[in-house]
Amino acid sequence: MNALNTESKDNTVEKESKIQTKLVECVQTLYISDNVDEAINRLLQIIGEFYNAERCYIFEFDNDMNIIHNTYEWCAPGVASFRAQLQDVSESAYESDLWDALRAKECFAVSDMEAYREHDARMADLFAEKDVRFFVAAPIVSSGELIGYVGLDNPVHLEIEDAVALMRQIALFVAAEL
């Protein structure tokens, strides 16, 4: 075995260990706290800080699945919150690949919003209004029904596959609490 393979395996093991540690911290945060809102807000902070992201948030659908509400949001210092602006938003306003993926209970990610613009300029413009250049969303599913999603904006240190895997796990934990 050469030194490059050993280094690559060491990096992979270290990265997986860090992700597992964050998952454990998230689970502990949710299940130890008596206050669900505080626990969810802390969980979003843990994930946002882990990825050095600008925002980490949760959107929940109303009962008819046609209106979404930004119910939780963590923002990095100096980053503007959009939670107040993103209440009672019609799902049709955001009809896109994002909603198609969420309806299929799949994660959705865009690692280069400018490149994505060629595919869906309207959605890219909506994200650009919020200065989102990189986006990851994981569906929150409870009893087989889509109830919302967890989102992460502009993470700095991440590989897309790792983010999707972690966000999928976070969504499962959150579903148990909502």
Foldseek 3Di string as FASTA:
>chain_A
DDPVVVVVVVVVVVVVVVLVVLLVVLLCLCPVDPDNQVSVQVNFVSVCVVLVFAKKWKWFADPVRFFIAGPYMDGDPPADDCRVVRGRHGVVLQPDVCVVQQQVQHKDKDQALVVCCVVPVSNSVVCVVRPFGIKIKGFQADPNHTTIIMMTGDGDDDDPVSVRVSRNSSSPSVNVSD
